[in-house]
Protein backbone atom coordinates (compact mmCIF):
# COMPACT_ATOMS: atom_id res chain seq x y z
CA MET A 1 103.74 -134.07 -58.93
CA LYS A 2 104.92 -130.55 -59.68
CA LYS A 3 102.30 -127.81 -59.45
CA PHE A 4 102.22 -124.36 -60.98
CA TRP A 5 101.24 -121.05 -59.42
CA LEU A 6 100.92 -117.34 -59.98
CA ILE A 7 102.24 -115.19 -57.13
CA LYS A 8 101.39 -111.50 -57.01
CA SER A 9 103.41 -108.62 -55.65
CA GLU A 10 103.16 -104.91 -56.30
CA GLY A 11 106.13 -104.11 -58.50
CA ASP A 12 107.00 -100.97 -56.53
CA CYS A 13 106.84 -102.92 -53.24
CA TYR A 14 108.74 -106.12 -54.11
CA SER A 15 109.61 -106.81 -57.74
CA ILE A 16 111.17 -109.61 -59.76
CA ASP A 17 114.37 -107.52 -59.65
CA ASP A 18 114.26 -107.62 -55.84
CA LEU A 19 113.88 -111.40 -55.90
CA LYS A 20 116.73 -111.66 -58.40
CA LYS A 21 118.94 -109.65 -56.04
CA ASP A 22 117.83 -111.55 -52.91
CA LYS A 23 117.92 -114.96 -54.67
CA LYS A 24 115.49 -116.44 -52.10
CA ILE A 25 112.99 -114.92 -49.67
CA ALA A 26 110.19 -115.97 -47.34
CA TRP A 27 106.93 -115.03 -49.10
CA THR A 28 105.50 -113.24 -46.08
CA GLY A 29 102.60 -110.89 -45.50
CA ILE A 30 99.83 -112.94 -47.11
CA ARG A 31 96.69 -112.33 -45.08
CA ASN A 32 94.10 -114.25 -47.06
CA TYR A 33 93.08 -117.67 -45.77
CA GLN A 34 92.74 -119.29 -49.20
CA SER A 35 96.22 -118.13 -50.25
CA ARG A 36 97.62 -119.20 -46.87
CA ASN A 37 96.05 -122.62 -47.33
CA PHE A 38 97.65 -122.98 -50.76
CA MET A 39 101.04 -122.35 -49.12
CA MET A 40 100.34 -124.62 -46.14
CA ASN A 41 98.73 -127.54 -47.94
CA ASP A 42 99.38 -127.46 -51.66
CA MET A 43 102.72 -125.84 -52.48
CA SER A 44 105.77 -128.10 -52.51
CA VAL A 45 109.48 -127.57 -52.96
CA GLY A 46 110.17 -127.43 -56.69
CA ASP A 47 106.77 -126.09 -57.73
CA MET A 48 107.07 -123.25 -60.24
CA ALA A 49 105.39 -119.84 -60.12
CA LEU A 50 104.75 -116.99 -62.50
CA PHE A 51 105.91 -113.78 -60.78
CA TYR A 52 103.17 -111.21 -61.35
CA HIS A 53 103.41 -107.46 -60.73
CA SER A 54 100.01 -106.07 -59.72
CA ASN A 55 98.88 -102.43 -59.68
CA GLY A 56 100.98 -101.55 -62.71
CA THR A 57 101.62 -98.23 -64.39
CA VAL A 58 101.96 -97.14 -68.00
CA GLU A 59 105.75 -97.56 -67.70
CA ALA A 60 105.51 -100.89 -65.86
CA PRO A 61 102.17 -102.52 -66.71
CA THR A 62 100.47 -105.18 -64.64
CA GLY A 63 101.56 -108.64 -65.76
CA VAL A 64 103.94 -111.57 -65.48
CA TYR A 65 107.58 -110.48 -65.14
CA GLY A 66 109.35 -113.76 -64.54
CA ILE A 67 109.51 -117.13 -62.86
CA ALA A 68 110.12 -118.18 -59.27
CA ARG A 69 110.39 -121.59 -57.62
CA VAL A 70 109.04 -122.80 -54.29
CA ALA A 71 112.20 -123.32 -52.23
CA SER A 72 110.91 -124.52 -48.84
CA ALA A 73 108.10 -126.31 -47.11
CA SER A 74 105.57 -124.06 -45.40
CA HIS A 75 106.60 -122.46 -42.13
CA PRO A 76 105.15 -119.80 -39.83
CA ASP A 77 105.23 -116.28 -41.29
CA GLU A 78 107.41 -114.40 -38.81
CA THR A 79 105.81 -111.03 -39.65
CA GLN A 80 102.67 -112.07 -37.73
CA PHE A 81 104.67 -111.90 -34.48
CA ALA A 82 106.49 -108.59 -35.11
CA LYS A 83 104.57 -105.82 -33.33
CA GLY A 84 105.97 -103.05 -35.52
CA ASP A 85 105.28 -104.86 -38.79
CA GLU A 86 102.25 -103.93 -40.92
CA HIS A 87 101.41 -107.67 -41.04
CA TYR A 88 101.43 -108.13 -37.25
CA ASP A 89 98.51 -110.22 -35.97
CA PRO A 90 97.87 -109.90 -32.22
CA LYS A 91 95.89 -113.17 -32.23
CA ALA A 92 98.89 -115.18 -33.46
CA THR A 93 101.32 -116.80 -31.03
CA LYS A 94 104.49 -118.82 -31.54
CA ALA A 95 102.63 -121.81 -30.06
CA LYS A 96 99.60 -121.26 -32.36
CA PRO A 97 100.62 -119.40 -35.51
CA ILE A 98 97.84 -118.34 -37.85
CA TRP A 99 99.80 -117.36 -40.96
CA TYR A 100 102.20 -119.52 -42.93
CA CYS A 101 104.47 -118.91 -45.89
CA VAL A 102 106.93 -120.66 -48.18
CA ASP A 103 110.29 -119.46 -49.42
CA MET A 104 110.43 -118.42 -53.07
CA ALA A 105 113.63 -118.52 -55.15
CA PHE A 106 114.46 -116.55 -58.28
CA VAL A 107 114.53 -118.49 -61.56
CA LEU A 108 114.19 -116.07 -64.48
CA LYS A 109 113.31 -112.48 -65.32
CA PHE A 110 111.47 -112.04 -68.63
CA LYS A 111 112.96 -109.64 -71.18
CA ASN A 112 109.45 -108.22 -71.62
CA PRO A 113 106.49 -108.77 -69.32
CA VAL A 114 103.43 -110.68 -70.47
CA THR A 115 100.86 -108.03 -69.60
CA LEU A 116 97.46 -108.63 -68.09
CA ALA A 117 95.96 -107.00 -71.19
CA GLU A 118 97.70 -109.65 -73.35
CA ILE A 119 96.62 -112.44 -70.99
CA LYS A 120 92.99 -111.29 -71.12
CA ILE A 121 92.72 -111.28 -74.92
CA ASP A 122 94.65 -114.48 -75.64
CA PRO A 123 92.17 -117.34 -76.14
CA ALA A 124 94.91 -119.86 -75.27
CA LEU A 125 94.74 -118.52 -71.70
CA ASP A 126 90.98 -118.99 -71.19
CA GLY A 127 90.33 -120.25 -67.69
CA MET A 128 93.28 -118.55 -65.96
CA LEU A 129 92.07 -117.21 -62.62
CA VAL A 130 93.95 -113.93 -63.06
CA ARG A 131 91.66 -113.18 -66.03
CA ALA A 132 88.54 -113.38 -63.87
CA ARG A 133 86.88 -110.14 -62.92
CA GLY A 134 87.65 -109.28 -59.29
CA SER A 135 90.38 -111.93 -59.02
CA ARG A 136 92.26 -110.69 -55.97
CA LEU A 137 94.02 -113.80 -54.67
CA SER A 138 97.73 -113.13 -54.22
CA ILE A 139 98.51 -116.81 -54.83
CA GLN A 140 96.63 -118.71 -57.50
CA PRO A 141 96.98 -122.14 -59.04
CA VAL A 142 97.88 -122.17 -62.74
CA SER A 143 97.61 -125.13 -65.10
CA GLN A 144 100.83 -126.53 -66.50
CA LYS A 145 99.49 -125.72 -69.99
CA HIS A 146 98.98 -122.03 -69.11
CA PHE A 147 102.33 -121.82 -67.30
CA GLU A 148 104.23 -123.27 -70.25
CA TYR A 149 102.32 -121.10 -72.73
CA ILE A 150 103.22 -117.87 -70.88
CA VAL A 151 106.84 -118.95 -70.53
CA GLY A 152 106.80 -119.68 -74.28
CA LEU A 153 105.56 -116.16 -75.01
CA GLU A 154 108.76 -114.92 -73.39
CA GLY A 155 110.77 -116.89 -75.93
């Protein structure tokens, strides 16, 4: 059964435009156990995700900028082994990786983002984790109803 997600990235670090250009990328650098577990245990090829830019600005507000699709099964996040990488983990080994990721593929860029401010005031989106105060998870489950509603706001 297809599941739905919200994946966060800082827009000035890796944006929906970057994913559109790359077409597909390993969703590396996640260093939160709950988010890692979602990728390892719950995400499946074909699941859909809202692509969310966090830490927005006035010109590019925080919000949902498009749609991505899970394009691979989980696999070890190679950045954990790269000593020069900011996501290097000295406790991880090739034999016993700690961090896993999935590949994400570009699906659609919205003409206009659905901002966090809009998400927070829309009663149809009650219960979305991203609305919760202090919600910091970089990968969050989303109900099919909320996913379809946000996609519908795009037109």
